[in-house]
């Protein structure tokens, strides 16, 4: 019997390109850093959720 592997969306496994921005001030840099930190935390949470889902799916086989 063939086991079905879960399909992981490509956006969770592929590298994302750097944003294209021209910063005009330190405020712009601070805003970019804050946005980056928010995205970094979200992506880490997404990765942890994917690992948990895949681990649970593997245990059900």
PDB file of N, CA and C in Angstrom:
ATOM      1  N   UNK A   1       0.841  -1.178   0.000  1.00  0.00           N
ATOM      2  CA  UNK A   1       0.000   0.000   0.000  1.00  0.00           C
ATOM      3  C   UNK A   1       0.888   1.245   0.000  1.00  0.00           C
ATOM      4  N   UNK A   2       0.573   2.199  -0.854  1.00  0.00           N
ATOM      5  CA  UNK A   2       1.348   3.430  -0.942  1.00  0.00           C
ATOM      6  C   UNK A   2       0.893   4.409   0.130  1.00  0.00           C
ATOM      7  N   UNK A   3       1.855   4.975   0.817  1.00  0.00           N
ATOM      8  CA  UNK A   3       1.498   5.992   1.811  1.00  0.00           C
ATOM      9  C   UNK A   3       1.449   7.347   1.123  1.00  0.00           C
ATOM     10  N   UNK A   4       0.526   8.158   1.538  1.00  0.00           N
ATOM     11  CA  UNK A   4       0.387   9.479   0.952  1.00  0.00           C
ATOM     12  C   UNK A   4       1.216  10.467   1.750  1.00  0.00           C
ATOM     13  N   UNK A   5       2.126  11.124   1.058  1.00  0.00           N
ATOM     14  CA  UNK A   5       2.935  12.157   1.695  1.00  0.00           C
ATOM     15  C   UNK A   5       2.171  13.469   1.635  1.00  0.00           C
ATOM     16  N   UNK A   6       2.165  14.217   2.712  1.00  0.00           N
ATOM     17  CA  UNK A   6       1.483  15.510   2.670  1.00  0.00           C
ATOM     18  C   UNK A   6       2.210  16.458   1.722  1.00  0.00           C
ATOM     19  N   UNK A   7       1.459  17.285   1.063  1.00  0.00           N
ATOM     20  CA  UNK A   7       2.031  18.262   0.145  1.00  0.00           C
ATOM     21  C   UNK A   7       2.280  19.549   0.920  1.00  0.00           C
ATOM     22  N   UNK A   8       3.528  19.969   0.949  1.00  0.00           N
ATOM     23  CA  UNK A   8       3.895  21.200   1.640  1.00  0.00           C
ATOM     24  C   UNK A   8       3.887  22.329   0.616  1.00  0.00           C
ATOM     25  N   UNK A   9       3.147  23.404   0.871  1.00  0.00           N
ATOM     26  CA  UNK A   9       3.120  24.518  -0.076  1.00  0.00           C
ATOM     27  C   UNK A   9       4.521  25.064  -0.323  1.00  0.00           C
ATOM     28  N   UNK A  10       4.779  25.411  -1.572  1.00  0.00           N
ATOM     29  CA  UNK A  10       6.113  25.865  -1.951  1.00  0.00           C
ATOM     30  C   UNK A  10       6.541  27.115  -1.181  1.00  0.00           C
ATOM     31  N   UNK A  11       5.589  28.004  -0.854  1.00  0.00           N
ATOM     32  CA  UNK A  11       5.973  29.236  -0.161  1.00  0.00           C
ATOM     33  C   UNK A  11       6.500  28.966   1.253  1.00  0.00           C
ATOM     34  N   UNK A  12       6.254  27.763   1.777  1.00  0.00           N
ATOM     35  CA  UNK A  12       6.787  27.433   3.099  1.00  0.00           C
ATOM     36  C   UNK A  12       8.185  26.833   3.027  1.00  0.00           C
ATOM     37  N   UNK A  13       8.587  26.378   1.853  1.00  0.00           N
ATOM     38  CA  UNK A  13       9.885  25.711   1.740  1.00  0.00           C
ATOM     39  C   UNK A  13      10.879  26.444   0.863  1.00  0.00           C
ATOM     40  N   UNK A  14      10.424  27.408   0.076  1.00  0.00           N
ATOM     41  CA  UNK A  14      11.342  28.101  -0.830  1.00  0.00           C
ATOM     42  C   UNK A  14      11.836  29.406  -0.210  1.00  0.00           C
ATOM     43  N   UNK A  15      13.015  29.808  -0.638  1.00  0.00           N
ATOM     44  CA  UNK A  15      13.572  31.072  -0.151  1.00  0.00           C
ATOM     45  C   UNK A  15      12.800  32.237  -0.750  1.00  0.00           C
ATOM     46  N   UNK A  16      12.631  33.258   0.044  1.00  0.00           N
ATOM     47  CA  UNK A  16      11.937  34.448  -0.412  1.00  0.00           C
ATOM     48  C   UNK A  16      12.958  35.515  -0.783  1.00  0.00           C
ATOM     49  N   UNK A  17      12.723  36.250  -1.866  1.00  0.00           N
ATOM     50  CA  UNK A  17      13.672  37.287  -2.263  1.00  0.00           C
ATOM     51  C   UNK A  17      13.642  38.466  -1.287  1.00  0.00           C
ATOM     52  N   UNK A  18      14.740  39.175  -1.245  1.00  0.00           N
ATOM     53  CA  UNK A  18      14.817  40.366  -0.397  1.00  0.00           C
ATOM     54  C   UNK A  18      13.906  41.450  -0.963  1.00  0.00           C
ATOM     55  N   UNK A  19      13.308  42.245  -0.091  1.00  0.00           N
ATOM     56  CA  UNK A  19      12.456  43.327  -0.593  1.00  0.00           C
ATOM     57  C   UNK A  19      13.292  44.378  -1.311  1.00  0.00           C
ATOM     58  N   UNK A  20      12.703  44.955  -2.340  1.00  0.00           N
ATOM     59  CA  UNK A  20      13.387  46.007  -3.088  1.00  0.00           C
ATOM     60  C   UNK A  20      12.878  47.340  -2.554  1.00  0.00           C
ATOM     61  N   UNK A  21      13.743  48.041  -1.855  1.00  0.00           N
ATOM     62  CA  UNK A  21      13.362  49.335  -1.278  1.00  0.00           C
ATOM     63  C   UNK A  21      14.556  50.278  -1.297  1.00  0.00           C
ATOM     64  N   UNK A  22      14.250  51.535  -1.437  1.00  0.00           N
ATOM     65  CA  UNK A  22      15.259  52.570  -1.283  1.00  0.00           C
ATOM     66  C   UNK A  22      14.905  53.318  -0.006  1.00  0.00           C
ATOM     67  N   UNK A  23      15.796  53.258   0.963  1.00  0.00           N
ATOM     68  CA  UNK A  23      15.530  53.889   2.252  1.00  0.00           C
ATOM     69  C   UNK A  23      16.000  55.335   2.222  1.00  0.00           C
ATOM     70  N   UNK A  24      15.131  56.229   2.644  1.00  0.00           N
ATOM     71  CA  UNK A  24      15.440  57.649   2.618  1.00  0.00           C
ATOM     72  C   UNK A  24      15.833  58.203   3.987  1.00  0.00           C
ATOM     73  N   UNK A  25      15.625  57.420   5.044  1.00  0.00           N
ATOM     74  CA  UNK A  25      15.911  57.934   6.381  1.00  0.00           C
ATOM     75  C   UNK A  25      16.123  56.773   7.345  1.00  0.00           C
ATOM     76  N   UNK A  26      16.566  57.124   8.546  1.00  0.00           N
ATOM     77  CA  UNK A  26      16.703  56.106   9.589  1.00  0.00           C
ATOM     78  C   UNK A  26      15.345  55.537   9.982  1.00  0.00           C
ATOM     79  N   UNK A  27      14.303  56.361   9.910  1.00  0.00           N
ATOM     80  CA  UNK A  27      12.960  55.879  10.227  1.00  0.00           C
ATOM     81  C   UNK A  27      12.565  54.764   9.259  1.00  0.00           C
ATOM     82  N   UNK A  28      12.902  54.941   7.983  1.00  0.00           N
ATOM     83  CA  UNK A  28      12.612  53.907   6.993  1.00  0.00           C
ATOM     84  C   UNK A  28      13.351  52.622   7.305  1.00  0.00           C
ATOM     85  N   UNK A  29      14.598  52.748   7.753  1.00  0.00           N
ATOM     86  CA  UNK A  29      15.382  51.566   8.113  1.00  0.00           C
ATOM     87  C   UNK A  29      14.775  50.863   9.324  1.00  0.00           C
ATOM     88  N   UNK A  30      14.369  51.632  10.322  1.00  0.00           N
ATOM     89  CA  UNK A  30      13.754  51.040  11.510  1.00  0.00           C
ATOM     90  C   UNK A  30      12.435  50.348  11.171  1.00  0.00           C
ATOM     91  N   UNK A  31      11.663  50.947  10.278  1.00  0.00           N
ATOM     92  CA  UNK A  31      10.408  50.321   9.858  1.00  0.00           C
ATOM     93  C   UNK A  31      10.680  49.023   9.106  1.00  0.00           C
ATOM     94  N   UNK A  32      11.701  49.030   8.248  1.00  0.00           N
ATOM     95  CA  UNK A  32      12.065  47.823   7.512  1.00  0.00           C
ATOM     96  C   UNK A  32      12.511  46.722   8.468  1.00  0.00           C
ATOM     97  N   UNK A  33      13.310  47.082   9.463  1.00  0.00           N
ATOM     98  CA  UNK A  33      13.761  46.097  10.445  1.00  0.00           C
ATOM     99  C   UNK A  33      12.589  45.534  11.256  1.00  0.00           C
ATOM    100  N   UNK A  34      11.641  46.379  11.613  1.00  0.00           N
ATOM    101  CA  UNK A  34      10.469  45.913  12.359  1.00  0.00           C
ATOM    102  C   UNK A  34       9.627  44.964  11.510  1.00  0.00           C
ATOM    103  N   UNK A  35       9.457  45.299  10.232  1.00  0.00           N
ATOM    104  CA  UNK A  35       8.702  44.417   9.339  1.00  0.00           C
ATOM    105  C   UNK A  35       9.430  43.093   9.154  1.00  0.00           C
ATOM    106  N   UNK A  36      10.746  43.157   9.013  1.00  0.00           N
ATOM    107  CA  UNK A  36      11.540  41.938   8.859  1.00  0.00           C
ATOM    108  C   UNK A  36      11.392  41.050  10.096  1.00  0.00           C
ATOM    109  N   UNK A  37      11.469  41.642  11.268  1.00  0.00           N
ATOM    110  CA  UNK A  37      11.354  40.866  12.507  1.00  0.00           C
ATOM    111  C   UNK A  37       9.977  40.215  12.611  1.00  0.00           C
ATOM    112  N   UNK A  38       8.931  40.938  12.246  1.00  0.00           N
ATOM    113  CA  UNK A  38       7.584  40.366  12.279  1.00  0.00           C
ATOM    114  C   UNK A  38       7.473  39.191  11.304  1.00  0.00           C
ATOM    115  N   UNK A  39       8.021  39.352  10.107  1.00  0.00           N
ATOM    116  CA  UNK A  39       7.984  38.261   9.127  1.00  0.00           C
ATOM    117  C   UNK A  39       8.820  37.078   9.584  1.00  0.00           C
ATOM    118  N   UNK A  40       9.975  37.357  10.186  1.00  0.00           N
ATOM    119  CA  UNK A  40      10.851  36.286  10.660  1.00  0.00           C
ATOM    120  C   UNK A  40      10.136  35.451  11.720  1.00  0.00           C
ATOM    121  N   UNK A  41       9.471  36.112  12.655  1.00  0.00           N
ATOM    122  CA  UNK A  41       8.742  35.389  13.701  1.00  0.00           C
ATOM    123  C   UNK A  41       7.594  34.572  13.112  1.00  0.00           C
ATOM    124  N   UNK A  42       6.883  35.166  12.158  1.00  0.00           N
ATOM    125  CA  UNK A  42       5.768  34.447  11.532  1.00  0.00           C
ATOM    126  C   UNK A  42       6.271  33.229  10.768  1.00  0.00           C
ATOM    127  N   UNK A  43       7.353  33.387  10.008  1.00  0.00           N
ATOM    128  CA  UNK A  43       7.883  32.263   9.234  1.00  0.00           C
ATOM    129  C   UNK A  43       8.395  31.161  10.152  1.00  0.00           C
ATOM    130  N   UNK A  44       9.017  31.526  11.272  1.00  0.00           N
ATOM    131  CA  UNK A  44       9.472  30.508  12.222  1.00  0.00           C
ATOM    132  C   UNK A  44       8.287  29.754  12.819  1.00  0.00           C
ATOM    133  N   UNK A  45       7.216  30.470  13.126  1.00  0.00           N
ATOM    134  CA  UNK A  45       6.018  29.811  13.647  1.00  0.00           C
ATOM    135  C   UNK A  45       5.408  28.899  12.585  1.00  0.00           C
ATOM    136  N   UNK A  46       5.385  29.358  11.331  1.00  0.00           N
ATOM    137  CA  UNK A  46       4.863  28.530  10.241  1.00  0.00           C
ATOM    138  C   UNK A  46       5.697  27.269  10.069  1.00  0.00           C
ATOM    139  N   UNK A  47       7.013  27.419  10.116  1.00  0.00           N
ATOM    140  CA  UNK A  47       7.889  26.254   9.966  1.00  0.00           C
ATOM    141  C   UNK A  47       7.664  25.258  11.103  1.00  0.00           C
ATOM    142  N   UNK A  48       7.543  25.766  12.317  1.00  0.00           N
ATOM    143  CA  UNK A  48       7.309  24.882  13.465  1.00  0.00           C
ATOM    144  C   UNK A  48       5.978  24.149  13.307  1.00  0.00           C
ATOM    145  N   UNK A  49       4.965  24.839  12.806  1.00  0.00           N
ATOM    146  CA  UNK A  49       3.662  24.203  12.595  1.00  0.00           C
ATOM    147  C   UNK A  49       3.751  23.127  11.517  1.00  0.00           C
ATOM    148  N   UNK A  50       4.498  23.401  10.453  1.00  0.00           N
ATOM    149  CA  UNK A  50       4.661  22.415   9.381  1.00  0.00           C
ATOM    150  C   UNK A  50       5.375  21.184   9.910  1.00  0.00           C
ATOM    151  N   UNK A  51       6.413  21.381  10.702  1.00  0.00           N
ATOM    152  CA  UNK A  51       7.140  20.245  11.281  1.00  0.00           C
ATOM    153  C   UNK A  51       6.206  19.419  12.157  1.00  0.00           C
ATOM    154  N   UNK A  52       5.400  20.084  12.972  1.00  0.00           N
ATOM    155  CA  UNK A  52       4.469  19.368  13.850  1.00  0.00           C
ATOM    156  C   UNK A  52       3.433  18.592  13.041  1.00  0.00           C
ATOM    157  N   UNK A  53       2.907  19.220  11.997  1.00  0.00           N
ATOM    158  CA  UNK A  53       1.914  18.548  11.152  1.00  0.00           C
ATOM    159  C   UNK A  53       2.524  17.328  10.477  1.00  0.00           C
ATOM    160  N   UNK A  54       3.714  17.499   9.912  1.00  0.00           N
ATOM    161  CA  UNK A  54       4.359  16.382   9.225  1.00  0.00           C
ATOM    162  C   UNK A  54       4.712  15.266  10.200  1.00  0.00           C
ATOM    163  N   UNK A  55       5.134  15.616  11.399  1.00  0.00           N
ATOM    164  CA  UNK A  55       5.470  14.603  12.399  1.00  0.00           C
ATOM    165  C   UNK A  55       4.218  13.833  12.820  1.00  0.00           C
ATOM    166  N   UNK A  56       3.107  14.541  12.993  1.00  0.00           N
ATOM    167  CA  UNK A  56       1.854  13.874  13.369  1.00  0.00           C
ATOM    168  C   UNK A  56       1.330  13.000  12.239  1.00  0.00           C
ATOM    169  N   UNK A  57       1.448  13.484  10.995  1.00  0.00           N
ATOM    170  CA  UNK A  57       1.004  12.691   9.851  1.00  0.00           C
ATOM    171  C   UNK A  57       1.852  11.443   9.690  1.00  0.00           C
ATOM    172  N   UNK A  58       3.152  11.553   9.943  1.00  0.00           N
ATOM    173  CA  UNK A  58       4.044  10.402   9.809  1.00  0.00           C
ATOM    174  C   UNK A  58       3.722   9.357  10.872  1.00  0.00           C
ATOM    175  N   UNK A  59       3.302   9.804  12.043  1.00  0.00           N
ATOM    176  CA  UNK A  59       2.980   8.883  13.126  1.00  0.00           C
ATOM    177  C   UNK A  59       1.675   8.136  12.914  1.00  0.00           C
ATOM    178  N   UNK A  60       0.816   8.638  12.032  1.00  0.00           N
ATOM    179  CA  UNK A  60      -0.479   8.004  11.792  1.00  0.00           C
ATOM    180  C   UNK A  60      -0.398   6.858  10.803  1.00  0.00           C
ATOM    181  N   UNK A  61       0.710   6.732  10.086  1.00  0.00           N
ATOM    182  CA  UNK A  61       0.841   5.665   9.078  1.00  0.00           C
ATOM    183  C   UNK A  61       1.046   4.313   9.691  1.00  0.00           C
TER     184      UNK A  61
END
